């Protein structure tokens, strides 16, 4: 029973971390796009 409870708790943490990683990947992708756009503007300047 204790192992089941620990497993459920670890699942809740894994799900939360998975969501955080997904959100961070989205941020990194937007930042890359912004960097590419900024490099293009810098090149134009």
ModelCIF file with pLDDT and N, C-alpha, C, O atoms, coordinates in Angstrom:
data_MODEL
#
_entry.id   MODEL 
#
_entity.id                         1 
_entity.type                       polymer 
_entity.pdbx_number_of_molecules   1 
#
_entity_poly.entity_id                      1 
_entity_poly.type                           'polypeptide(L)' 
_entity_poly.nstd_linkage                   no 
_entity_poly.nstd_monomer                   no 
_entity_poly.pdbx_seq_one_letter_code       
;(UNK)(UNK)(UNK)(UNK)(UNK)(UNK)(UNK)(UNK)(UNK)(UNK)(UNK)(UNK)(UNK)(UNK)(UNK)(UNK)
(UNK)(UNK)(UNK)(UNK)(UNK)(UNK)(UNK)(UNK)(UNK)(UNK)(UNK)(UNK)(UNK)(UNK)(UNK)(UNK)
(UNK)(UNK)(UNK)(UNK)(UNK)(UNK)(UNK)(UNK)(UNK)(UNK)(UNK)(UNK)(UNK)
;
_entity_poly.pdbx_seq_one_letter_code_can   XXXXXXXXXXXXXXXXXXXXXXXXXXXXXXXXXXXXXXXXXXXXX 
_entity_poly.pdbx_strand_id                 A 
#
loop_
_entity_poly_seq.entity_id 
_entity_poly_seq.num 
_entity_poly_seq.mon_id 
_entity_poly_seq.hetero 
1 1  UNK n 
1 2  UNK n 
1 3  UNK n 
1 4  UNK n 
1 5  UNK n 
1 6  UNK n 
1 7  UNK n 
1 8  UNK n 
1 9  UNK n 
1 10 UNK n 
1 11 UNK n 
1 12 UNK n 
1 13 UNK n 
1 14 UNK n 
1 15 UNK n 
1 16 UNK n 
1 17 UNK n 
1 18 UNK n 
1 19 UNK n 
1 20 UNK n 
1 21 UNK n 
1 22 UNK n 
1 23 UNK n 
1 24 UNK n 
1 25 UNK n 
1 26 UNK n 
1 27 UNK n 
1 28 UNK n 
1 29 UNK n 
1 30 UNK n 
1 31 UNK n 
1 32 UNK n 
1 33 UNK n 
1 34 UNK n 
1 35 UNK n 
1 36 UNK n 
1 37 UNK n 
1 38 UNK n 
1 39 UNK n 
1 40 UNK n 
1 41 UNK n 
1 42 UNK n 
1 43 UNK n 
1 44 UNK n 
1 45 UNK n 
#
_struct_asym.id          A 
_struct_asym.entity_id   1 
#
loop_
_ma_qa_metric.id 
_ma_qa_metric.mode 
_ma_qa_metric.name 
_ma_qa_metric.software_group_id 
_ma_qa_metric.type 
1 global pLDDT . pLDDT 
2 local  pLDDT . pLDDT 
#
_ma_qa_metric_global.metric_id      1 
_ma_qa_metric_global.metric_value   96.51 
_ma_qa_metric_global.model_id       1 
_ma_qa_metric_global.ordinal_id     1 
#
loop_
_ma_qa_metric_local.label_asym_id 
_ma_qa_metric_local.label_comp_id 
_ma_qa_metric_local.label_seq_id 
_ma_qa_metric_local.metric_id 
_ma_qa_metric_local.metric_value 
_ma_qa_metric_local.model_id 
_ma_qa_metric_local.ordinal_id 
A UNK 1  2 97.00 1 1  
A UNK 2  2 97.00 1 2  
A UNK 3  2 97.00 1 3  
A UNK 4  2 97.00 1 4  
A UNK 5  2 97.00 1 5  
A UNK 6  2 97.00 1 6  
A UNK 7  2 97.00 1 7  
A UNK 8  2 97.00 1 8  
A UNK 9  2 97.00 1 9  
A UNK 10 2 97.00 1 10 
A UNK 11 2 97.00 1 11 
A UNK 12 2 78.00 1 12 
A UNK 13 2 96.00 1 13 
A UNK 14 2 97.00 1 14 
A UNK 15 2 97.00 1 15 
A UNK 16 2 97.00 1 16 
A UNK 17 2 97.00 1 17 
A UNK 18 2 97.00 1 18 
A UNK 19 2 97.00 1 19 
A UNK 20 2 97.00 1 20 
A UNK 21 2 97.00 1 21 
A UNK 22 2 97.00 1 22 
A UNK 23 2 97.00 1 23 
A UNK 24 2 97.00 1 24 
A UNK 25 2 97.00 1 25 
A UNK 26 2 97.00 1 26 
A UNK 27 2 98.00 1 27 
A UNK 28 2 97.00 1 28 
A UNK 29 2 98.00 1 29 
A UNK 30 2 97.00 1 30 
A UNK 31 2 98.00 1 31 
A UNK 32 2 97.00 1 32 
A UNK 33 2 98.00 1 33 
A UNK 34 2 97.00 1 34 
A UNK 35 2 97.00 1 35 
A UNK 36 2 97.00 1 36 
A UNK 37 2 97.00 1 37 
A UNK 38 2 97.00 1 38 
A UNK 39 2 97.00 1 39 
A UNK 40 2 97.00 1 40 
A UNK 41 2 97.00 1 41 
A UNK 42 2 96.00 1 42 
A UNK 43 2 95.00 1 43 
A UNK 44 2 96.00 1 44 
A UNK 45 2 95.00 1 45 
#
loop_
_atom_site.group_PDB 
_atom_site.id 
_atom_site.type_symbol 
_atom_site.label_atom_id 
_atom_site.label_alt_id 
_atom_site.label_comp_id 
_atom_site.label_asym_id 
_atom_site.label_entity_id 
_atom_site.label_seq_id 
_atom_site.pdbx_PDB_ins_code 
_atom_site.Cartn_x 
_atom_site.Cartn_y 
_atom_site.Cartn_z 
_atom_site.occupancy 
_atom_site.B_iso_or_equiv 
_atom_site.pdbx_formal_charge 
_atom_site.auth_seq_id 
_atom_site.auth_comp_id 
_atom_site.auth_asym_id 
_atom_site.auth_atom_id 
_atom_site.pdbx_PDB_model_num 
ATOM 1   N N  . UNK A 1 1  ? 0.842  -1.211 0.000   1.00 97.00 ? 1  UNK A N  1 
ATOM 2   C CA . UNK A 1 1  ? 0.000  0.000  0.000   1.00 97.00 ? 1  UNK A CA 1 
ATOM 3   C C  . UNK A 1 1  ? 0.871  1.254  0.000   1.00 97.00 ? 1  UNK A C  1 
ATOM 4   O O  . UNK A 1 1  ? 0.578  2.219  -0.707  1.00 97.00 ? 1  UNK A O  1 
ATOM 5   N N  . UNK A 1 2  ? 1.931  1.238  0.786   1.00 97.00 ? 2  UNK A N  1 
ATOM 6   C CA . UNK A 1 2  ? 2.850  2.382  0.809   1.00 97.00 ? 2  UNK A CA 1 
ATOM 7   C C  . UNK A 1 2  ? 3.510  2.571  -0.552  1.00 97.00 ? 2  UNK A C  1 
ATOM 8   O O  . UNK A 1 2  ? 3.670  3.698  -1.019  1.00 97.00 ? 2  UNK A O  1 
ATOM 9   N N  . UNK A 1 3  ? 3.892  1.462  -1.189  1.00 97.00 ? 3  UNK A N  1 
ATOM 10  C CA . UNK A 1 3  ? 4.501  1.549  -2.523  1.00 97.00 ? 3  UNK A CA 1 
ATOM 11  C C  . UNK A 1 3  ? 3.516  2.112  -3.545  1.00 97.00 ? 3  UNK A C  1 
ATOM 12  O O  . UNK A 1 3  ? 3.889  2.918  -4.397  1.00 97.00 ? 3  UNK A O  1 
ATOM 13  N N  . UNK A 1 4  ? 2.263  1.686  -3.456  1.00 97.00 ? 4  UNK A N  1 
ATOM 14  C CA . UNK A 1 4  ? 1.253  2.235  -4.375  1.00 97.00 ? 4  UNK A CA 1 
ATOM 15  C C  . UNK A 1 4  ? 1.109  3.736  -4.181  1.00 97.00 ? 4  UNK A C  1 
ATOM 16  O O  . UNK A 1 4  ? 1.041  4.495  -5.148  1.00 97.00 ? 4  UNK A O  1 
ATOM 17  N N  . UNK A 1 5  ? 1.064  4.156  -2.920  1.00 97.00 ? 5  UNK A N  1 
ATOM 18  C CA . UNK A 1 5  ? 0.932  5.585  -2.635  1.00 97.00 ? 5  UNK A CA 1 
ATOM 19  C C  . UNK A 1 5  ? 2.149  6.346  -3.155  1.00 97.00 ? 5  UNK A C  1 
ATOM 20  O O  . UNK A 1 5  ? 2.006  7.421  -3.738  1.00 97.00 ? 5  UNK A O  1 
ATOM 21  N N  . UNK A 1 6  ? 3.343  5.797  -2.948  1.00 97.00 ? 6  UNK A N  1 
ATOM 22  C CA . UNK A 1 6  ? 4.568  6.447  -3.438  1.00 97.00 ? 6  UNK A CA 1 
ATOM 23  C C  . UNK A 1 6  ? 4.575  6.503  -4.960  1.00 97.00 ? 6  UNK A C  1 
ATOM 24  O O  . UNK A 1 6  ? 4.976  7.506  -5.550  1.00 97.00 ? 6  UNK A O  1 
ATOM 25  N N  . UNK A 1 7  ? 4.134  5.429  -5.585  1.00 97.00 ? 7  UNK A N  1 
ATOM 26  C CA . UNK A 1 7  ? 4.088  5.391  -7.046  1.00 97.00 ? 7  UNK A CA 1 
ATOM 27  C C  . UNK A 1 7  ? 3.129  6.441  -7.581  1.00 97.00 ? 7  UNK A C  1 
ATOM 28  O O  . UNK A 1 7  ? 3.436  7.133  -8.551  1.00 97.00 ? 7  UNK A O  1 
ATOM 29  N N  . UNK A 1 8  ? 1.968  6.559  -6.948  1.00 97.00 ? 8  UNK A N  1 
ATOM 30  C CA . UNK A 1 8  ? 1.019  7.590  -7.376  1.00 97.00 ? 8  UNK A CA 1 
ATOM 31  C C  . UNK A 1 8  ? 1.620  8.980  -7.210  1.00 97.00 ? 8  UNK A C  1 
ATOM 32  O O  . UNK A 1 8  ? 1.463  9.832  -8.084  1.00 97.00 ? 8  UNK A O  1 
ATOM 33  N N  . UNK A 1 9  ? 2.295  9.211  -6.111  1.00 97.00 ? 9  UNK A N  1 
ATOM 34  C CA . UNK A 1 9  ? 2.928  10.508 -5.869  1.00 97.00 ? 9  UNK A CA 1 
ATOM 35  C C  . UNK A 1 9  ? 4.014  10.778 -6.909  1.00 97.00 ? 9  UNK A C  1 
ATOM 36  O O  . UNK A 1 9  ? 4.121  11.889 -7.428  1.00 97.00 ? 9  UNK A O  1 
ATOM 37  N N  . UNK A 1 10 ? 4.798  9.780  -7.202  1.00 97.00 ? 10 UNK A N  1 
ATOM 38  C CA . UNK A 1 10 ? 5.856  9.943  -8.197  1.00 97.00 ? 10 UNK A CA 1 
ATOM 39  C C  . UNK A 1 10 ? 5.276  10.170 -9.594  1.00 97.00 ? 10 UNK A C  1 
ATOM 40  O O  . UNK A 1 10 ? 5.879  10.865 -10.411 1.00 97.00 ? 10 UNK A O  1 
ATOM 41  N N  . UNK A 1 11 ? 4.069  9.568  -9.877  1.00 97.00 ? 11 UNK A N  1 
ATOM 42  C CA . UNK A 1 11 ? 3.412  9.763  -11.167 1.00 97.00 ? 11 UNK A CA 1 
ATOM 43  C C  . UNK A 1 11 ? 2.989  11.202 -11.330 1.00 97.00 ? 11 UNK A C  1 
ATOM 44  O O  . UNK A 1 11 ? 3.160  11.834 -12.372 1.00 97.00 ? 11 UNK A O  1 
ATOM 45  N N  . UNK A 1 12 ? 2.353  11.745 -10.095 1.00 78.00 ? 12 UNK A N  1 
ATOM 46  C CA . UNK A 1 12 ? 1.878  13.152 -10.106 1.00 78.00 ? 12 UNK A CA 1 
ATOM 47  C C  . UNK A 1 12 ? 3.014  14.071 -10.453 1.00 78.00 ? 12 UNK A C  1 
ATOM 48  O O  . UNK A 1 12 ? 2.845  15.009 -11.231 1.00 78.00 ? 12 UNK A O  1 
ATOM 49  N N  . UNK A 1 13 ? 4.376  13.768 -9.786  1.00 96.00 ? 13 UNK A N  1 
ATOM 50  C CA . UNK A 1 13 ? 5.566  14.590 -10.030 1.00 96.00 ? 13 UNK A CA 1 
ATOM 51  C C  . UNK A 1 13 ? 6.034  14.431 -11.472 1.00 96.00 ? 13 UNK A C  1 
ATOM 52  O O  . UNK A 1 13 ? 6.429  15.407 -12.111 1.00 96.00 ? 13 UNK A O  1 
ATOM 53  N N  . UNK A 1 14 ? 5.991  13.188 -11.990 1.00 97.00 ? 14 UNK A N  1 
ATOM 54  C CA . UNK A 1 14 ? 6.426  12.941 -13.374 1.00 97.00 ? 14 UNK A CA 1 
ATOM 55  C C  . UNK A 1 14 ? 5.520  13.682 -14.354 1.00 97.00 ? 14 UNK A C  1 
ATOM 56  O O  . UNK A 1 14 ? 6.001  14.275 -15.320 1.00 97.00 ? 14 UNK A O  1 
ATOM 57  N N  . UNK A 1 15 ? 4.223  13.649 -14.110 1.00 97.00 ? 15 UNK A N  1 
ATOM 58  C CA . UNK A 1 15 ? 3.294  14.372 -14.996 1.00 97.00 ? 15 UNK A CA 1 
ATOM 59  C C  . UNK A 1 15 ? 3.565  15.871 -14.964 1.00 97.00 ? 15 UNK A C  1 
ATOM 60  O O  . UNK A 1 15 ? 3.571  16.534 -16.001 1.00 97.00 ? 15 UNK A O  1 
ATOM 61  N N  . UNK A 1 16 ? 3.788  16.395 -13.771 1.00 97.00 ? 16 UNK A N  1 
ATOM 62  C CA . UNK A 1 16 ? 4.057  17.828 -13.627 1.00 97.00 ? 16 UNK A CA 1 
ATOM 63  C C  . UNK A 1 16 ? 5.362  18.199 -14.335 1.00 97.00 ? 16 UNK A C  1 
ATOM 64  O O  . UNK A 1 16 ? 5.426  19.202 -15.045 1.00 97.00 ? 16 UNK A O  1 
ATOM 65  N N  . UNK A 1 17 ? 6.406  17.377 -14.134 1.00 97.00 ? 17 UNK A N  1 
ATOM 66  C CA . UNK A 1 17 ? 7.686  17.651 -14.782 1.00 97.00 ? 17 UNK A CA 1 
ATOM 67  C C  . UNK A 1 17 ? 7.579  17.520 -16.296 1.00 97.00 ? 17 UNK A C  1 
ATOM 68  O O  . UNK A 1 17 ? 8.211  18.280 -17.030 1.00 97.00 ? 17 UNK A O  1 
ATOM 69  N N  . UNK A 1 18 ? 6.799  16.581 -16.759 1.00 97.00 ? 18 UNK A N  1 
ATOM 70  C CA . UNK A 1 18 ? 6.590  16.413 -18.197 1.00 97.00 ? 18 UNK A CA 1 
ATOM 71  C C  . UNK A 1 18 ? 5.937  17.673 -18.777 1.00 97.00 ? 18 UNK A C  1 
ATOM 72  O O  . UNK A 1 18 ? 6.317  18.140 -19.851 1.00 97.00 ? 18 UNK A O  1 
ATOM 73  N N  . UNK A 1 19 ? 4.968  18.205 -18.065 1.00 97.00 ? 19 UNK A N  1 
ATOM 74  C CA . UNK A 1 19 ? 4.303  19.433 -18.517 1.00 97.00 ? 19 UNK A CA 1 
ATOM 75  C C  . UNK A 1 19 ? 5.295  20.596 -18.524 1.00 97.00 ? 19 UNK A C  1 
ATOM 76  O O  . UNK A 1 19 ? 5.302  21.405 -19.452 1.00 97.00 ? 19 UNK A O  1 
ATOM 77  N N  . UNK A 1 20 ? 6.136  20.678 -17.484 1.00 97.00 ? 20 UNK A N  1 
ATOM 78  C CA . UNK A 1 20 ? 7.132  21.759 -17.414 1.00 97.00 ? 20 UNK A CA 1 
ATOM 79  C C  . UNK A 1 20 ? 8.115  21.643 -18.577 1.00 97.00 ? 20 UNK A C  1 
ATOM 80  O O  . UNK A 1 20 ? 8.447  22.644 -19.212 1.00 97.00 ? 20 UNK A O  1 
ATOM 81  N N  . UNK A 1 21 ? 8.586  20.413 -18.858 1.00 97.00 ? 21 UNK A N  1 
ATOM 82  C CA . UNK A 1 21 ? 9.516  20.203 -19.977 1.00 97.00 ? 21 UNK A CA 1 
ATOM 83  C C  . UNK A 1 21 ? 8.843  20.603 -21.288 1.00 97.00 ? 21 UNK A C  1 
ATOM 84  O O  . UNK A 1 21 ? 9.473  21.238 -22.133 1.00 97.00 ? 21 UNK A O  1 
ATOM 85  N N  . UNK A 1 22 ? 7.600  20.249 -21.466 1.00 97.00 ? 22 UNK A N  1 
ATOM 86  C CA . UNK A 1 22 ? 6.865  20.606 -22.688 1.00 97.00 ? 22 UNK A CA 1 
ATOM 87  C C  . UNK A 1 22 ? 6.780  22.125 -22.823 1.00 97.00 ? 22 UNK A C  1 
ATOM 88  O O  . UNK A 1 22 ? 6.986  22.680 -23.902 1.00 97.00 ? 22 UNK A O  1 
ATOM 89  N N  . UNK A 1 23 ? 6.470  22.785 -21.700 1.00 97.00 ? 23 UNK A N  1 
ATOM 90  C CA . UNK A 1 23 ? 6.380  24.254 -21.743 1.00 97.00 ? 23 UNK A CA 1 
ATOM 91  C C  . UNK A 1 23 ? 7.742  24.871 -22.037 1.00 97.00 ? 23 UNK A C  1 
ATOM 92  O O  . UNK A 1 23 ? 7.829  25.823 -22.812 1.00 97.00 ? 23 UNK A O  1 
ATOM 93  N N  . UNK A 1 24 ? 8.815  24.345 -21.429 1.00 97.00 ? 24 UNK A N  1 
ATOM 94  C CA . UNK A 1 24 ? 10.157 24.875 -21.679 1.00 97.00 ? 24 UNK A CA 1 
ATOM 95  C C  . UNK A 1 24 ? 10.576 24.664 -23.136 1.00 97.00 ? 24 UNK A C  1 
ATOM 96  O O  . UNK A 1 24 ? 11.230 25.532 -23.715 1.00 97.00 ? 24 UNK A O  1 
ATOM 97  N N  . UNK A 1 25 ? 10.219 23.550 -23.726 1.00 97.00 ? 25 UNK A N  1 
ATOM 98  C CA . UNK A 1 25 ? 10.540 23.318 -25.143 1.00 97.00 ? 25 UNK A CA 1 
ATOM 99  C C  . UNK A 1 25 ? 9.847  24.373 -26.012 1.00 97.00 ? 25 UNK A C  1 
ATOM 100 O O  . UNK A 1 25 ? 10.418 24.890 -26.972 1.00 97.00 ? 25 UNK A O  1 
ATOM 101 N N  . UNK A 1 26 ? 8.622  24.669 -25.651 1.00 97.00 ? 26 UNK A N  1 
ATOM 102 C CA . UNK A 1 26 ? 7.903  25.717 -26.392 1.00 97.00 ? 26 UNK A CA 1 
ATOM 103 C C  . UNK A 1 26 ? 8.618  27.057 -26.270 1.00 97.00 ? 26 UNK A C  1 
ATOM 104 O O  . UNK A 1 26 ? 8.771  27.771 -27.261 1.00 97.00 ? 26 UNK A O  1 
ATOM 105 N N  . UNK A 1 27 ? 9.064  27.407 -25.045 1.00 98.00 ? 27 UNK A N  1 
ATOM 106 C CA . UNK A 1 27 ? 9.784  28.673 -24.835 1.00 98.00 ? 27 UNK A CA 1 
ATOM 107 C C  . UNK A 1 27 ? 11.091 28.685 -25.630 1.00 98.00 ? 27 UNK A C  1 
ATOM 108 O O  . UNK A 1 27 ? 11.419 29.681 -26.275 1.00 98.00 ? 27 UNK A O  1 
ATOM 109 N N  . UNK A 1 28 ? 11.833 27.577 -25.583 1.00 97.00 ? 28 UNK A N  1 
ATOM 110 C CA . UNK A 1 28 ? 13.109 27.491 -26.302 1.00 97.00 ? 28 UNK A CA 1 
ATOM 111 C C  . UNK A 1 28 ? 12.866 27.648 -27.807 1.00 97.00 ? 28 UNK A C  1 
ATOM 112 O O  . UNK A 1 28 ? 13.632 28.331 -28.487 1.00 97.00 ? 28 UNK A O  1 
ATOM 113 N N  . UNK A 1 29 ? 11.815 27.025 -28.325 1.00 98.00 ? 29 UNK A N  1 
ATOM 114 C CA . UNK A 1 29 ? 11.520 27.135 -29.752 1.00 98.00 ? 29 UNK A CA 1 
ATOM 115 C C  . UNK A 1 29 ? 11.185 28.588 -30.130 1.00 98.00 ? 29 UNK A C  1 
ATOM 116 O O  . UNK A 1 29 ? 11.641 29.083 -31.161 1.00 98.00 ? 29 UNK A O  1 
ATOM 117 N N  . UNK A 1 30 ? 10.395 29.263 -29.299 1.00 97.00 ? 30 UNK A N  1 
ATOM 118 C CA . UNK A 1 30 ? 10.073 30.680 -29.571 1.00 97.00 ? 30 UNK A CA 1 
ATOM 119 C C  . UNK A 1 30 ? 11.318 31.539 -29.493 1.00 97.00 ? 30 UNK A C  1 
ATOM 120 O O  . UNK A 1 30 ? 11.513 32.438 -30.311 1.00 97.00 ? 30 UNK A O  1 
ATOM 121 N N  . UNK A 1 31 ? 12.176 31.257 -28.490 1.00 98.00 ? 31 UNK A N  1 
ATOM 122 C CA . UNK A 1 31 ? 13.411 32.037 -28.372 1.00 98.00 ? 31 UNK A CA 1 
ATOM 123 C C  . UNK A 1 31 ? 14.316 31.825 -29.580 1.00 98.00 ? 31 UNK A C  1 
ATOM 124 O O  . UNK A 1 31 ? 14.954 32.774 -30.034 1.00 98.00 ? 31 UNK A O  1 
ATOM 125 N N  . UNK A 1 32 ? 14.387 30.621 -30.105 1.00 97.00 ? 32 UNK A N  1 
ATOM 126 C CA . UNK A 1 32 ? 15.184 30.360 -31.312 1.00 97.00 ? 32 UNK A CA 1 
ATOM 127 C C  . UNK A 1 32 ? 14.620 31.151 -32.494 1.00 97.00 ? 32 UNK A C  1 
ATOM 128 O O  . UNK A 1 32 ? 15.362 31.747 -33.275 1.00 97.00 ? 32 UNK A O  1 
ATOM 129 N N  . UNK A 1 33 ? 13.315 31.142 -32.601 1.00 98.00 ? 33 UNK A N  1 
ATOM 130 C CA . UNK A 1 33 ? 12.691 31.888 -33.689 1.00 98.00 ? 33 UNK A CA 1 
ATOM 131 C C  . UNK A 1 33 ? 12.971 33.383 -33.548 1.00 98.00 ? 33 UNK A C  1 
ATOM 132 O O  . UNK A 1 33 ? 13.248 34.076 -34.527 1.00 98.00 ? 33 UNK A O  1 
ATOM 133 N N  . UNK A 1 34 ? 12.893 33.866 -32.290 1.00 97.00 ? 34 UNK A N  1 
ATOM 134 C CA . UNK A 1 34 ? 13.176 35.291 -32.054 1.00 97.00 ? 34 UNK A CA 1 
ATOM 135 C C  . UNK A 1 34 ? 14.645 35.595 -32.356 1.00 97.00 ? 34 UNK A C  1 
ATOM 136 O O  . UNK A 1 34 ? 14.961 36.651 -32.905 1.00 97.00 ? 34 UNK A O  1 
ATOM 137 N N  . UNK A 1 35 ? 15.554 34.659 -31.995 1.00 97.00 ? 35 UNK A N  1 
ATOM 138 C CA . UNK A 1 35 ? 16.974 34.876 -32.278 1.00 97.00 ? 35 UNK A CA 1 
ATOM 139 C C  . UNK A 1 35 ? 17.225 34.921 -33.788 1.00 97.00 ? 35 UNK A C  1 
ATOM 140 O O  . UNK A 1 35 ? 17.989 35.757 -34.271 1.00 97.00 ? 35 UNK A O  1 
ATOM 141 N N  . UNK A 1 36 ? 16.577 34.019 -34.528 1.00 97.00 ? 36 UNK A N  1 
ATOM 142 C CA . UNK A 1 36 ? 16.730 34.014 -35.985 1.00 97.00 ? 36 UNK A CA 1 
ATOM 143 C C  . UNK A 1 36 ? 16.225 35.335 -36.547 1.00 97.00 ? 36 UNK A C  1 
ATOM 144 O O  . UNK A 1 36 ? 16.866 35.942 -37.404 1.00 97.00 ? 36 UNK A O  1 
ATOM 145 N N  . UNK A 1 37 ? 15.053 35.781 -36.050 1.00 97.00 ? 37 UNK A N  1 
ATOM 146 C CA . UNK A 1 37 ? 14.500 37.049 -36.537 1.00 97.00 ? 37 UNK A CA 1 
ATOM 147 C C  . UNK A 1 37 ? 15.421 38.209 -36.160 1.00 97.00 ? 37 UNK A C  1 
ATOM 148 O O  . UNK A 1 37 ? 15.645 39.107 -36.972 1.00 97.00 ? 37 UNK A O  1 
ATOM 149 N N  . UNK A 1 38 ? 15.961 38.199 -34.926 1.00 97.00 ? 38 UNK A N  1 
ATOM 150 C CA . UNK A 1 38 ? 16.867 39.265 -34.504 1.00 97.00 ? 38 UNK A CA 1 
ATOM 151 C C  . UNK A 1 38 ? 18.164 39.245 -35.324 1.00 97.00 ? 38 UNK A C  1 
ATOM 152 O O  . UNK A 1 38 ? 18.699 40.298 -35.670 1.00 97.00 ? 38 UNK A O  1 
ATOM 153 N N  . UNK A 1 39 ? 18.668 38.032 -35.635 1.00 97.00 ? 39 UNK A N  1 
ATOM 154 C CA . UNK A 1 39 ? 19.878 37.942 -36.454 1.00 97.00 ? 39 UNK A CA 1 
ATOM 155 C C  . UNK A 1 39 ? 19.613 38.486 -37.867 1.00 97.00 ? 39 UNK A C  1 
ATOM 156 O O  . UNK A 1 39 ? 20.477 39.123 -38.471 1.00 97.00 ? 39 UNK A O  1 
ATOM 157 N N  . UNK A 1 40 ? 18.427 38.228 -38.369 1.00 97.00 ? 40 UNK A N  1 
ATOM 158 C CA . UNK A 1 40 ? 18.098 38.770 -39.683 1.00 97.00 ? 40 UNK A CA 1 
ATOM 159 C C  . UNK A 1 40 ? 18.023 40.298 -39.625 1.00 97.00 ? 40 UNK A C  1 
ATOM 160 O O  . UNK A 1 40 ? 18.536 40.973 -40.518 1.00 97.00 ? 40 UNK A O  1 
ATOM 161 N N  . UNK A 1 41 ? 17.391 40.847 -38.590 1.00 97.00 ? 41 UNK A N  1 
ATOM 162 C CA . UNK A 1 41 ? 17.320 42.301 -38.444 1.00 97.00 ? 41 UNK A CA 1 
ATOM 163 C C  . UNK A 1 41 ? 18.715 42.885 -38.238 1.00 97.00 ? 41 UNK A C  1 
ATOM 164 O O  . UNK A 1 41 ? 19.051 43.933 -38.789 1.00 97.00 ? 41 UNK A O  1 
ATOM 165 N N  . UNK A 1 42 ? 19.523 42.188 -37.435 1.00 96.00 ? 42 UNK A N  1 
ATOM 166 C CA . UNK A 1 42 ? 20.888 42.662 -37.213 1.00 96.00 ? 42 UNK A CA 1 
ATOM 167 C C  . UNK A 1 42 ? 21.675 42.661 -38.522 1.00 96.00 ? 42 UNK A C  1 
ATOM 168 O O  . UNK A 1 42 ? 22.436 43.585 -38.807 1.00 96.00 ? 42 UNK A O  1 
ATOM 169 N N  . UNK A 1 43 ? 21.476 41.614 -39.303 1.00 95.00 ? 43 UNK A N  1 
ATOM 170 C CA . UNK A 1 43 ? 22.133 41.556 -40.605 1.00 95.00 ? 43 UNK A CA 1 
ATOM 171 C C  . UNK A 1 43 ? 21.690 42.711 -41.497 1.00 95.00 ? 43 UNK A C  1 
ATOM 172 O O  . UNK A 1 43 ? 22.503 43.312 -42.199 1.00 95.00 ? 43 UNK A O  1 
ATOM 173 N N  . UNK A 1 44 ? 20.397 43.014 -41.463 1.00 96.00 ? 44 UNK A N  1 
ATOM 174 C CA . UNK A 1 44 ? 19.876 44.124 -42.260 1.00 96.00 ? 44 UNK A CA 1 
ATOM 175 C C  . UNK A 1 44 ? 20.451 45.458 -41.762 1.00 96.00 ? 44 UNK A C  1 
ATOM 176 O O  . UNK A 1 44 ? 20.813 46.326 -42.556 1.00 96.00 ? 44 UNK A O  1 
ATOM 177 N N  . UNK A 1 45 ? 20.526 45.601 -40.449 1.00 95.00 ? 45 UNK A N  1 
ATOM 178 C CA . UNK A 1 45 ? 21.061 46.844 -39.874 1.00 95.00 ? 45 UNK A CA 1 
ATOM 179 C C  . UNK A 1 45 ? 22.533 46.990 -40.240 1.00 95.00 ? 45 UNK A C  1 
ATOM 180 O O  . UNK A 1 45 ? 23.172 47.969 -39.854 1.00 95.00 ? 45 UNK A O  1 
#
